[in-house]
Amino acid sequence: MADKDEVAWIEEQAVASKAHNGHDSKEVDERLEELVRTEVSRIELTPEEKKRVIRKLDLWIVPQVTFFYLLAYLDRGNIGNAKIAGMQTDLNLMGIKYNVVVMVFFIPYGLLEVPSNIVLKMVRPSLWISFLIVAWGIVMTLMSQVQSYGGLIAARFFLGVAEAGLFPGISYFLTIWYERYQVQTRFAVFYAGASLAGAFSGLLAFAIQHMDGVAGLAGWRWIFLLEGLFTVLCGLVAAFTIPDSPQRARFLEEDEKKFVVGNLQMQTGSGQGRVTNDEKIDRKYIIAAFKEYKLWLGCLMWLGNGIPVYGFTYTAPTVVVQLGYTTTKAQLMVVPIYVCATIVTVLLALASDRVKQRSPFVIGGFLAGACGFLALIIIPHPKYPGVTYGFLFLAASGIFCPIMPALGWFANNMAPSSKRAVGMAILLTVGNLVGGLFGSNIYLESTKPRYFPGYGISFAIMLTAAALAFALRILYQRENTRRDRMDPDEIREKYSEGELLDMGDKSPFFRYTL
């Protein structure tokens, strides 16, 4: 912590410099900023007070971000429901046309995630996140008016542009509020919005498609129109409800703000040293994220989710229809699959935070999903529709449950916050761009009802992802062991507090989560 006499002296120098030169000394300003940045709050709260602070965060932040992500996933995934509600026939989406429509979304969606998180780090989160929500709500509303295959492609492209920043933005946003072994559970709750979106999408589509013919619009057009208008309304409200940072949170008392900020600074994993969430975005942090080889290995692992999840999400309603059920019944039968996946995702995230481990849950989830897809390959289709339907539960749970432990793993292991913001966006860019492009093209209409390419590729990629997760654990473990052998006093003699902060996860005091 900065010495109070030193701070007072520097402030005096700043005043003297301004009086002499007519402006503040750049050197003095930079030194004062450095002292403020490295200062740690010493606020101590009782266990009950700490619980009260966490409850406030949970009640104010988590429900909002969960709801926003549910909207995003609902608005990108409802095209699967619209397809079987008449859109495929009305727009003549025969052959691979539907796959192309689904795929085009992921080009801007993946490419713009990193730029979006850089902007988020530069501006107020409340403004940027609410802008994104309103933007894709407008696109979704206008999608109800498309009259051709080309128009639908254009609408899906701009939907990808607008939605690109939400998932990486919220994922980073949560890390500036919660400790290392608290954030995982909150990730899971907010991501549960994605799982529940599959359920809500089916329920909403079931209800809305009955408006077919109202005001001269087909039922599938009403799906886009009503869901889009609702999203716009929610985005406008979000500008006033999203808190920008712990320091500016109106729902926290001053002591509670200092406690949250100081507590986050101590999240190094070793009990020594500090990390910062308050540094300004800088080119060196962006470069550091792109140069992190463990992150790129994690990107390959992340494809074990990205490819299967998008292929499954956009095809699940059609798969159920191919089992011999009516379109209306298929919309409803998809709901329990996603509810099950949601429950499994949240329970495993709670367990991961409790035992303070990430990799076992990542590996276990990938292996479970691989088993589900292997079973779907083996089962004769459509001879045993009930058995096939049952293994869709295992496949969906295996797809969704490793996502949050994997995301939490990299959020825990990247510092400072600028590197983490960019690194998390890189991870999601690879998963969403590559995963979306490939995943939306592995369940081809010509392969029904066995869908062998889709099931087979999903099985292979999830098995490979489990092996990559194990390799990453070994790498992190070796680095922790090396740093454990270093002498703390020698480290402090070699580096200043500012230098250790700038090193982030490369600091000798930083320990990687396993």
Protein backbone atom coordinates (compact mmCIF):
# COMPACT_ATOMS: atom_id res chain seq x y z
CA MET A 1 0.00 0.00 0.00
CA ALA A 2 1.28 3.50 -0.79
CA ASP A 3 2.70 5.48 2.13
CA LYS A 4 0.40 8.38 3.10
CA ASP A 5 3.34 10.83 3.43
CA GLU A 6 4.49 9.89 -0.08
CA VAL A 7 1.02 10.47 -1.49
CA ALA A 8 0.79 13.84 0.30
CA TRP A 9 4.24 14.86 -1.02
CA ILE A 10 3.32 13.96 -4.58
CA GLU A 11 0.06 15.88 -4.31
CA GLU A 12 2.03 18.92 -3.11
CA GLN A 13 4.36 18.55 -6.08
CA ALA A 14 1.38 18.40 -8.41
CA VAL A 15 0.00 21.68 -7.00
CA ALA A 16 3.43 23.36 -7.18
CA SER A 17 3.94 22.17 -10.76
CA LYS A 18 0.57 23.49 -11.82
CA ALA A 19 1.27 26.87 -10.18
CA HIS A 20 4.66 27.13 -11.88
CA ASN A 21 3.86 25.73 -15.32
CA GLY A 22 0.16 26.43 -15.58
CA HIS A 23 -0.58 22.69 -15.97
CA ASP A 24 -0.01 19.44 -14.15
CA SER A 25 3.36 17.70 -14.44
CA LYS A 26 3.00 14.53 -16.50
CA GLU A 27 5.60 12.74 -14.39
CA VAL A 28 3.85 13.67 -11.15
CA ASP A 29 0.47 12.66 -12.53
CA GLU A 30 1.78 9.29 -13.65
CA ARG A 31 3.41 8.61 -10.27
CA LEU A 32 0.26 9.57 -8.39
CA GLU A 33 -1.83 7.36 -10.69
CA GLU A 34 0.59 4.49 -10.06
CA LEU A 35 0.26 4.90 -6.29
CA VAL A 36 -3.52 4.98 -6.46
CA ARG A 37 -3.56 1.96 -8.77
CA THR A 38 -1.38 -0.09 -6.44
CA GLU A 39 -3.20 0.91 -3.28
CA VAL A 40 -5.15 -1.86 -1.58
CA SER A 41 -8.19 -1.29 0.59
CA ARG A 42 -7.80 -2.60 4.13
CA ILE A 43 -11.52 -2.67 4.81
CA GLU A 44 -12.47 -5.71 6.88
CA LEU A 45 -16.04 -6.95 7.20
CA THR A 46 -17.59 -9.53 9.48
CA PRO A 47 -18.61 -12.87 7.90
CA GLU A 48 -22.24 -11.77 7.98
CA GLU A 49 -21.40 -8.44 6.34
CA LYS A 50 -19.43 -10.26 3.62
CA LYS A 51 -22.42 -12.50 2.94
CA ARG A 52 -24.64 -9.45 2.71
CA VAL A 53 -22.35 -7.88 0.11
CA ILE A 54 -22.37 -11.04 -2.02
CA ARG A 55 -26.15 -11.24 -1.74
CA LYS A 56 -26.40 -7.67 -3.02
CA LEU A 57 -24.19 -8.51 -6.00
CA ASP A 58 -26.16 -11.67 -6.71
CA LEU A 59 -29.52 -9.92 -6.55
CA TRP A 60 -28.51 -6.93 -8.63
CA ILE A 61 -26.07 -8.26 -11.23
CA VAL A 62 -26.64 -11.97 -11.88
CA PRO A 63 -30.39 -11.88 -12.73
CA GLN A 64 -29.80 -9.06 -15.20
CA VAL A 65 -26.93 -10.61 -17.12
CA THR A 66 -28.68 -14.00 -17.11
CA PHE A 67 -31.81 -12.48 -18.58
CA PHE A 68 -29.88 -10.55 -21.24
CA TYR A 69 -28.03 -13.64 -22.36
CA LEU A 70 -31.27 -15.62 -22.44
CA LEU A 71 -32.62 -12.97 -24.82
CA ALA A 72 -29.51 -13.19 -27.00
CA TYR A 73 -29.56 -16.95 -27.26
CA LEU A 74 -33.32 -16.94 -27.81
CA ASP A 75 -33.07 -14.42 -30.64
CA ARG A 76 -30.26 -16.23 -32.45
CA GLY A 77 -31.73 -19.72 -31.95
CA ASN A 78 -35.40 -19.09 -32.70
CA ILE A 79 -34.66 -19.56 -36.39
CA GLY A 80 -34.73 -23.32 -35.72
CA ASN A 81 -38.29 -22.99 -34.43
CA ALA A 82 -39.29 -20.64 -37.25
CA LYS A 83 -37.97 -23.16 -39.76
CA ILE A 84 -40.42 -25.88 -38.77
CA ALA A 85 -43.20 -23.30 -38.26
CA GLY A 86 -43.35 -22.53 -41.99
CA MET A 87 -40.33 -20.36 -42.80
CA GLN A 88 -38.55 -23.13 -44.72
CA THR A 89 -41.47 -23.47 -47.12
CA ASP A 90 -42.28 -19.75 -47.45
CA LEU A 91 -38.67 -18.76 -48.25
CA ASN A 92 -37.83 -21.94 -50.16
CA LEU A 93 -34.92 -22.92 -47.88
CA MET A 94 -34.23 -26.22 -49.57
CA GLY A 95 -30.97 -28.19 -49.56
CA ILE A 96 -28.13 -26.42 -47.75
CA LYS A 97 -29.78 -22.98 -47.82
CA TYR A 98 -30.86 -23.24 -44.19
CA ASN A 99 -27.33 -24.24 -43.15
CA VAL A 100 -25.93 -21.18 -44.96
CA VAL A 101 -28.45 -18.91 -43.21
CA VAL A 102 -27.41 -20.30 -39.82
CA MET A 103 -23.70 -20.15 -40.67
CA VAL A 104 -23.51 -16.54 -41.86
CA PHE A 105 -24.40 -15.29 -38.37
CA PHE A 106 -21.10 -16.55 -36.97
CA ILE A 107 -18.79 -14.65 -39.32
CA PRO A 108 -19.30 -11.18 -37.79
CA TYR A 109 -20.22 -12.71 -34.43
CA GLY A 110 -16.80 -14.30 -34.09
CA LEU A 111 -14.69 -11.56 -35.69
CA LEU A 112 -16.09 -8.71 -33.59
CA GLU A 113 -15.82 -10.23 -30.10
CA VAL A 114 -12.28 -9.02 -29.39
CA PRO A 115 -12.91 -5.44 -30.66
CA SER A 116 -16.12 -5.33 -28.63
CA ASN A 117 -14.36 -6.23 -25.38
CA ILE A 118 -11.70 -3.60 -26.04
CA VAL A 119 -14.48 -1.01 -26.43
CA LEU A 120 -16.14 -2.32 -23.25
CA LYS A 121 -12.90 -1.75 -21.36
CA MET A 122 -12.77 1.83 -22.67
CA VAL A 123 -16.38 2.94 -22.07
CA ARG A 124 -19.11 2.46 -19.49
CA PRO A 125 -20.47 -1.13 -19.55
CA SER A 126 -24.04 0.12 -19.03
CA LEU A 127 -23.92 2.11 -22.27
CA TRP A 128 -22.17 -0.50 -24.41
CA ILE A 129 -24.18 -3.52 -23.27
CA SER A 130 -27.52 -1.72 -23.57
CA PHE A 131 -26.53 -0.47 -27.05
CA LEU A 132 -25.84 -4.05 -28.16
CA ILE A 133 -29.19 -5.29 -26.83
CA VAL A 134 -31.19 -2.57 -28.59
CA ALA A 135 -29.25 -3.09 -31.82
CA TRP A 136 -29.92 -6.80 -32.15
CA GLY A 137 -33.53 -6.31 -31.01
CA ILE A 138 -34.07 -3.96 -33.95
CA VAL A 139 -32.50 -6.46 -36.35
CA MET A 140 -34.66 -9.28 -34.97
CA THR A 141 -37.80 -7.16 -35.36
CA LEU A 142 -36.97 -6.36 -38.99
CA MET A 143 -36.23 -10.03 -39.68
CA SER A 144 -39.97 -10.62 -39.52
CA GLN A 145 -40.27 -8.73 -42.80
CA VAL A 146 -37.76 -10.65 -44.94
CA GLN A 147 -39.19 -11.88 -48.21
CA SER A 148 -36.35 -13.89 -49.71
CA TYR A 149 -33.40 -16.16 -49.02
CA GLY A 150 -30.98 -13.27 -49.63
CA GLY A 151 -32.86 -11.00 -47.25
CA LEU A 152 -32.71 -13.62 -44.52
CA ILE A 153 -28.94 -14.00 -45.01
CA ALA A 154 -28.48 -10.22 -44.67
CA ALA A 155 -30.60 -10.10 -41.53
CA ARG A 156 -28.67 -12.97 -39.92
CA PHE A 157 -25.37 -11.26 -40.77
CA PHE A 158 -26.36 -8.05 -38.99
CA LEU A 159 -27.77 -10.03 -36.08
CA GLY A 160 -24.28 -11.48 -35.69
CA VAL A 161 -22.77 -7.98 -35.76
CA ALA A 162 -25.07 -6.78 -32.99
CA GLU A 163 -24.85 -9.82 -30.72
CA ALA A 164 -21.07 -10.26 -31.00
CA GLY A 165 -20.13 -8.36 -27.86
CA LEU A 166 -22.64 -9.64 -25.32
CA PHE A 167 -21.26 -13.03 -24.26
CA PRO A 168 -17.60 -11.98 -23.99
CA GLY A 169 -18.66 -8.68 -22.45
CA ILE A 170 -20.77 -10.22 -19.72
CA SER A 171 -18.19 -12.93 -19.08
CA TYR A 172 -15.52 -10.30 -18.46
CA PHE A 173 -17.95 -8.03 -16.60
CA LEU A 174 -18.61 -10.68 -13.95
CA THR A 175 -14.87 -11.03 -13.22
CA ILE A 176 -14.66 -7.43 -11.96
CA TRP A 177 -17.25 -8.19 -9.26
CA TYR A 178 -16.55 -11.71 -7.97
CA GLU A 179 -13.59 -13.55 -6.48
CA ARG A 180 -11.74 -16.34 -8.28
CA TYR A 181 -13.82 -19.15 -6.72
CA GLN A 182 -17.11 -17.25 -6.71
CA VAL A 183 -17.27 -16.26 -10.35
CA GLN A 184 -17.63 -19.82 -11.69
CA THR A 185 -21.07 -20.30 -10.15
CA ARG A 186 -22.22 -16.93 -11.48
CA PHE A 187 -20.94 -17.85 -14.93
CA ALA A 188 -23.05 -20.99 -14.78
CA VAL A 189 -26.20 -19.19 -13.67
CA PHE A 190 -25.89 -16.59 -16.41
CA TYR A 191 -25.05 -19.22 -19.00
CA ALA A 192 -28.06 -21.20 -17.85
CA GLY A 193 -29.89 -18.56 -19.83
CA ALA A 194 -28.54 -20.23 -22.96
CA SER A 195 -29.80 -23.64 -21.90
CA LEU A 196 -33.15 -22.24 -20.82
CA ALA A 197 -33.41 -20.32 -24.09
CA GLY A 198 -33.79 -23.64 -25.86
CA ALA A 199 -36.68 -24.44 -23.57
CA PHE A 200 -38.31 -21.00 -23.77
CA SER A 201 -37.82 -20.92 -27.52
CA GLY A 202 -39.87 -24.07 -27.90
CA LEU A 203 -42.60 -22.83 -25.56
CA LEU A 204 -42.80 -19.39 -27.15
CA ALA A 205 -42.77 -20.81 -30.66
CA PHE A 206 -45.55 -23.22 -29.69
CA ALA A 207 -47.68 -20.30 -28.50
CA ILE A 208 -46.77 -17.68 -31.09
CA GLN A 209 -47.15 -19.89 -34.16
CA HIS A 210 -50.87 -20.03 -33.36
CA MET A 211 -50.98 -16.36 -34.44
CA ASP A 212 -50.54 -17.55 -38.02
CA GLY A 213 -52.61 -15.27 -40.25
CA VAL A 214 -53.09 -12.45 -37.71
CA ALA A 215 -52.59 -9.09 -39.48
CA GLY A 216 -51.72 -11.07 -42.59
CA LEU A 217 -48.46 -12.36 -41.11
CA ALA A 218 -47.34 -15.98 -41.00
CA GLY A 219 -46.79 -17.55 -37.58
CA TRP A 220 -43.01 -17.70 -38.00
CA ARG A 221 -42.92 -13.96 -38.73
CA TRP A 222 -44.69 -13.26 -35.45
CA ILE A 223 -41.95 -15.22 -33.65
CA PHE A 224 -39.31 -12.77 -34.91
CA LEU A 225 -41.49 -9.67 -34.51
CA LEU A 226 -42.67 -10.15 -30.92
CA GLU A 227 -39.37 -11.42 -29.58
CA GLY A 228 -37.50 -8.56 -31.31
CA LEU A 229 -39.72 -5.79 -29.94
CA PHE A 230 -39.44 -7.20 -26.44
CA THR A 231 -35.63 -7.24 -26.73
CA VAL A 232 -35.55 -3.56 -27.77
CA LEU A 233 -37.60 -2.62 -24.72
CA CYS A 234 -35.29 -4.58 -22.41
CA GLY A 235 -32.22 -2.92 -23.92
CA LEU A 236 -33.56 0.56 -23.23
CA VAL A 237 -34.19 -0.34 -19.60
CA ALA A 238 -30.72 -1.92 -19.26
CA ALA A 239 -29.00 1.46 -19.76
CA PHE A 240 -30.33 2.51 -16.35
CA THR A 241 -29.97 -0.76 -14.43
CA ILE A 242 -26.51 -2.15 -15.29
CA PRO A 243 -23.85 -0.96 -12.76
CA ASP A 244 -20.55 0.06 -14.35
CA SER A 245 -18.10 -1.02 -11.62
CA PRO A 246 -17.93 -1.70 -7.86
CA GLN A 247 -16.67 1.85 -7.31
CA ARG A 248 -19.80 3.28 -9.01
CA ALA A 249 -22.38 0.80 -7.71
CA ARG A 250 -25.22 2.77 -6.16
CA PHE A 251 -26.53 -0.30 -4.34
CA LEU A 252 -23.31 -0.69 -2.29
CA GLU A 253 -22.21 1.34 0.75
CA GLU A 254 -18.78 2.99 0.66
CA ASP A 255 -17.19 0.36 2.92
CA GLU A 256 -18.73 -2.39 0.80
CA LYS A 257 -17.30 -0.87 -2.39
CA LYS A 258 -13.81 -0.75 -0.87
CA PHE A 259 -14.16 -4.31 0.37
CA VAL A 260 -15.12 -5.65 -3.08
CA VAL A 261 -12.29 -3.79 -4.84
CA GLY A 262 -9.67 -4.73 -2.24
CA ASN A 263 -10.79 -8.34 -2.12
CA LEU A 264 -10.45 -8.72 -5.89
CA GLN A 265 -6.95 -7.27 -5.79
CA MET A 266 -5.83 -10.12 -3.53
CA GLN A 267 -6.93 -12.88 -5.93
CA THR A 268 -3.47 -14.16 -6.91
CA GLY A 269 -3.95 -17.71 -5.66
CA SER A 270 -0.81 -17.63 -3.48
CA GLY A 271 -1.83 -15.32 -0.66
CA GLN A 272 0.88 -12.85 -1.72
CA GLY A 273 1.08 -10.10 -4.29
CA ARG A 274 -1.85 -8.41 -5.98
CA VAL A 275 -3.70 -8.12 -9.27
CA THR A 276 -5.54 -5.11 -10.67
CA ASN A 277 -8.88 -4.55 -12.38
CA ASP A 278 -8.41 -0.79 -12.73
CA GLU A 279 -5.63 -0.44 -15.30
CA LYS A 280 -6.34 1.35 -18.56
CA ILE A 281 -6.50 -0.74 -21.72
CA ASP A 282 -3.06 -0.70 -23.35
CA ARG A 283 -1.49 -2.27 -26.42
CA LYS A 284 0.90 -4.31 -24.29
CA TYR A 285 -1.99 -6.14 -22.59
CA ILE A 286 -3.65 -6.87 -25.93
CA ILE A 287 -0.38 -8.25 -27.30
CA ALA A 288 0.15 -10.29 -24.12
CA ALA A 289 -3.22 -11.98 -24.61
CA PHE A 290 -2.48 -12.86 -28.24
CA LYS A 291 0.97 -14.24 -27.30
CA GLU A 292 -0.35 -16.56 -24.56
CA TYR A 293 0.22 -20.06 -25.97
CA LYS A 294 -1.83 -21.74 -23.24
CA LEU A 295 -4.79 -19.63 -24.34
CA TRP A 296 -4.46 -20.90 -27.93
CA LEU A 297 -4.32 -24.47 -26.67
CA GLY A 298 -7.47 -23.66 -24.75
CA CYS A 299 -9.05 -22.33 -27.95
CA LEU A 300 -8.57 -25.74 -29.56
CA MET A 301 -10.11 -27.35 -26.48
CA TRP A 302 -13.02 -24.88 -26.64
CA LEU A 303 -13.95 -26.19 -30.09
CA GLY A 304 -15.04 -29.33 -28.24
CA ASN A 305 -17.95 -27.22 -27.16
CA GLY A 306 -18.32 -24.71 -29.99
CA ILE A 307 -18.84 -27.20 -32.81
CA PRO A 308 -21.26 -29.59 -31.04
CA VAL A 309 -23.31 -26.91 -29.27
CA TYR A 310 -24.21 -24.93 -32.38
CA GLY A 311 -24.87 -27.98 -34.47
CA PHE A 312 -27.11 -29.42 -31.77
CA THR A 313 -28.97 -26.17 -30.97
CA TYR A 314 -30.02 -25.49 -34.55
CA THR A 315 -30.91 -29.09 -35.32
CA ALA A 316 -32.50 -30.47 -32.14
CA PRO A 317 -36.11 -29.57 -33.10
CA THR A 318 -35.64 -31.18 -36.52
CA VAL A 319 -34.03 -34.29 -34.97
CA VAL A 320 -37.08 -34.75 -32.72
CA VAL A 321 -39.42 -34.31 -35.71
CA GLN A 322 -37.47 -37.02 -37.56
CA LEU A 323 -38.20 -39.41 -34.67
CA GLY A 324 -41.80 -39.43 -35.84
CA TYR A 325 -43.34 -36.68 -33.72
CA THR A 326 -45.48 -33.82 -35.04
CA THR A 327 -44.01 -30.33 -35.34
CA THR A 328 -46.11 -29.02 -32.46
CA LYS A 329 -45.16 -31.87 -30.17
CA ALA A 330 -41.49 -31.59 -31.16
CA GLN A 331 -41.44 -27.94 -30.06
CA LEU A 332 -42.51 -29.05 -26.58
CA MET A 333 -40.31 -32.16 -26.42
CA VAL A 334 -37.15 -30.09 -26.87
CA VAL A 335 -37.91 -28.24 -23.62
CA PRO A 336 -37.01 -31.03 -21.12
CA ILE A 337 -33.67 -31.62 -22.89
CA TYR A 338 -32.53 -28.07 -22.23
CA VAL A 339 -33.96 -27.98 -18.71
CA CYS A 340 -31.91 -31.07 -17.86
CA ALA A 341 -28.77 -29.50 -19.37
CA THR A 342 -29.36 -26.34 -17.34
CA ILE A 343 -29.66 -28.21 -14.05
CA VAL A 344 -26.50 -30.23 -14.71
CA THR A 345 -24.57 -27.10 -15.73
CA VAL A 346 -25.43 -25.19 -12.54
CA LEU A 347 -24.83 -28.13 -10.18
CA LEU A 348 -21.40 -28.88 -11.63
CA ALA A 349 -20.43 -25.20 -11.48
CA LEU A 350 -21.32 -25.12 -7.79
CA ALA A 351 -19.23 -28.21 -7.23
CA SER A 352 -16.31 -26.71 -9.17
CA ASP A 353 -16.26 -23.59 -6.99
CA ARG A 354 -16.61 -25.64 -3.84
CA VAL A 355 -13.61 -27.89 -4.53
CA LYS A 356 -11.68 -25.04 -6.24
CA GLN A 357 -10.91 -27.11 -9.31
CA ARG A 358 -11.79 -26.57 -12.97
CA SER A 359 -10.14 -29.22 -15.15
CA PRO A 360 -11.88 -32.33 -13.68
CA PHE A 361 -15.27 -30.84 -14.54
CA VAL A 362 -14.15 -29.77 -18.00
CA ILE A 363 -12.76 -33.22 -18.77
CA GLY A 364 -15.74 -35.03 -17.26
CA GLY A 365 -18.24 -32.94 -19.21
CA PHE A 366 -16.52 -33.54 -22.53
CA LEU A 367 -16.35 -37.29 -21.88
CA ALA A 368 -20.05 -37.42 -20.95
CA GLY A 369 -21.01 -35.60 -24.14
CA ALA A 370 -18.81 -37.91 -26.21
CA CYS A 371 -20.61 -40.92 -24.70
CA GLY A 372 -23.97 -39.39 -25.59
CA PHE A 373 -23.01 -38.87 -29.23
CA LEU A 374 -21.45 -42.32 -29.46
CA ALA A 375 -24.76 -43.82 -28.37
CA LEU A 376 -26.63 -41.72 -30.96
CA ILE A 377 -24.30 -43.10 -33.64
CA ILE A 378 -24.87 -46.72 -32.59
CA ILE A 379 -28.66 -46.64 -32.12
CA PRO A 380 -30.58 -47.72 -35.27
CA HIS A 381 -32.64 -44.80 -36.57
CA PRO A 382 -35.56 -44.32 -36.48
CA LYS A 383 -36.19 -47.77 -35.03
CA TYR A 384 -35.93 -46.76 -31.36
CA PRO A 385 -37.21 -43.17 -31.09
CA GLY A 386 -37.57 -43.31 -27.30
CA VAL A 387 -33.98 -44.46 -26.77
CA THR A 388 -32.67 -41.85 -29.21
CA TYR A 389 -34.64 -39.14 -27.44
CA GLY A 390 -33.22 -40.27 -24.09
CA PHE A 391 -29.60 -39.99 -25.24
CA LEU A 392 -30.26 -36.48 -26.52
CA PHE A 393 -30.38 -35.55 -22.80
CA LEU A 394 -26.89 -36.95 -22.19
CA ALA A 395 -25.49 -35.31 -25.30
CA ALA A 396 -26.98 -31.90 -24.44
CA SER A 397 -25.80 -32.07 -20.82
CA GLY A 398 -22.31 -33.04 -21.97
CA ILE A 399 -22.25 -30.16 -24.42
CA PHE A 400 -23.32 -27.45 -22.01
CA CYS A 401 -21.80 -28.44 -18.64
CA PRO A 402 -18.05 -28.00 -19.53
CA ILE A 403 -18.53 -24.50 -20.93
CA MET A 404 -18.54 -22.58 -17.66
CA PRO A 405 -15.73 -24.50 -15.96
CA ALA A 406 -13.62 -23.94 -19.08
CA LEU A 407 -14.48 -20.23 -19.25
CA GLY A 408 -13.92 -19.85 -15.52
CA TRP A 409 -10.60 -21.66 -15.85
CA PHE A 410 -9.23 -19.07 -18.26
CA ALA A 411 -10.84 -16.14 -16.43
CA ASN A 412 -9.04 -17.28 -13.26
CA ASN A 413 -5.73 -17.70 -15.08
CA MET A 414 -5.43 -14.38 -16.92
CA ALA A 415 -4.41 -11.06 -15.34
CA PRO A 416 -4.52 -8.08 -15.32
CA SER A 417 -8.09 -7.33 -16.33
CA SER A 418 -7.23 -5.91 -19.77
CA LYS A 419 -5.43 -9.11 -20.74
CA ARG A 420 -8.34 -11.09 -19.31
CA ALA A 421 -10.92 -9.07 -21.29
CA VAL A 422 -9.05 -9.63 -24.56
CA GLY A 423 -8.10 -13.25 -23.76
CA MET A 424 -11.66 -14.29 -22.94
CA ALA A 425 -12.84 -12.66 -26.16
CA ILE A 426 -10.19 -14.56 -28.17
CA LEU A 427 -11.35 -17.83 -26.62
CA LEU A 428 -14.95 -17.11 -27.49
CA THR A 429 -14.05 -15.84 -30.97
CA VAL A 430 -12.48 -19.15 -31.91
CA GLY A 431 -15.32 -21.14 -30.37
CA ASN A 432 -18.07 -19.08 -31.93
CA LEU A 433 -16.51 -18.40 -35.33
CA VAL A 434 -14.99 -21.80 -36.05
CA GLY A 435 -17.56 -23.65 -33.95
CA GLY A 436 -20.46 -21.81 -35.53
CA LEU A 437 -19.24 -22.19 -39.10
CA PHE A 438 -18.52 -25.90 -38.74
CA GLY A 439 -21.31 -26.74 -36.32
CA SER A 440 -24.00 -25.25 -38.51
CA ASN A 441 -22.91 -27.47 -41.42
CA ILE A 442 -22.45 -30.92 -39.86
CA TYR A 443 -26.16 -31.78 -39.61
CA LEU A 444 -27.10 -31.85 -43.27
CA GLU A 445 -30.66 -32.48 -44.42
CA SER A 446 -29.40 -35.26 -46.70
CA THR A 447 -28.06 -37.27 -43.71
CA LYS A 448 -31.34 -37.55 -41.77
CA PRO A 449 -32.46 -39.40 -39.76
CA ARG A 450 -29.07 -40.88 -38.74
CA TYR A 451 -27.14 -37.59 -38.94
CA PHE A 452 -23.94 -39.61 -38.86
CA PRO A 453 -21.56 -36.74 -39.80
CA GLY A 454 -23.03 -34.53 -37.08
CA TYR A 455 -22.97 -37.15 -34.34
CA GLY A 456 -19.60 -38.54 -35.43
CA ILE A 457 -17.80 -35.20 -35.60
CA SER A 458 -19.26 -34.15 -32.25
CA PHE A 459 -18.05 -37.39 -30.65
CA ALA A 460 -14.50 -37.03 -32.04
CA ILE A 461 -14.08 -33.36 -31.19
CA MET A 462 -15.33 -33.78 -27.61
CA LEU A 463 -12.99 -36.71 -27.02
CA THR A 464 -10.08 -34.63 -28.34
CA ALA A 465 -11.11 -31.68 -26.15
CA ALA A 466 -10.95 -33.87 -23.04
CA ALA A 467 -7.35 -34.82 -23.89
CA LEU A 468 -6.40 -31.16 -24.46
CA ALA A 469 -7.91 -30.17 -21.11
CA PHE A 470 -5.76 -32.79 -19.39
CA ALA A 471 -2.65 -31.43 -21.15
CA LEU A 472 -3.48 -27.89 -20.04
CA ARG A 473 -3.79 -28.99 -16.44
CA ILE A 474 -0.29 -30.51 -16.59
CA LEU A 475 1.16 -27.28 -18.00
CA TYR A 476 -0.45 -25.09 -15.33
CA GLN A 477 0.58 -27.49 -12.57
CA ARG A 478 4.23 -27.46 -13.65
CA GLU A 479 4.32 -23.65 -13.68
CA ASN A 480 2.77 -23.45 -10.20
CA THR A 481 5.37 -25.90 -8.90
CA ARG A 482 8.20 -23.82 -10.39
CA ARG A 483 6.89 -20.64 -8.76
CA ASP A 484 6.42 -22.38 -5.40
CA ARG A 485 10.19 -22.91 -5.28
CA MET A 486 10.89 -19.16 -5.61
CA ASP A 487 11.76 -17.08 -2.51
CA PRO A 488 9.21 -14.26 -1.80
CA ASP A 489 11.85 -11.91 -0.40
CA GLU A 490 14.02 -12.30 -3.48
CA ILE A 491 11.00 -11.61 -5.68
CA ARG A 492 10.25 -8.35 -3.82
CA GLU A 493 13.88 -7.27 -4.07
CA LYS A 494 13.87 -7.87 -7.81
CA TYR A 495 10.50 -6.28 -8.71
CA SER A 496 8.54 -3.23 -7.54
CA GLU A 497 4.84 -3.44 -6.69
CA GLY A 498 3.99 -1.69 -9.95
CA GLU A 499 6.06 -4.12 -11.99
CA LEU A 500 4.43 -7.12 -10.31
CA LEU A 501 0.99 -5.69 -11.07
CA ASP A 502 1.89 -5.13 -14.72
CA MET A 503 3.13 -8.74 -14.98
CA GLY A 504 -0.35 -10.01 -14.11
CA ASP A 505 -0.49 -13.80 -14.37
CA LYS A 506 3.24 -13.83 -15.17
CA SER A 507 3.99 -12.55 -11.66
CA PRO A 508 5.93 -15.05 -9.49
CA PHE A 509 3.20 -14.55 -6.87
CA PHE A 510 0.40 -15.60 -9.23
CA ARG A 511 -0.83 -19.22 -9.09
CA TYR A 512 -2.89 -20.83 -11.81
CA THR A 513 -6.18 -22.52 -11.03
CA LEU A 514 -6.14 -26.22 -11.87
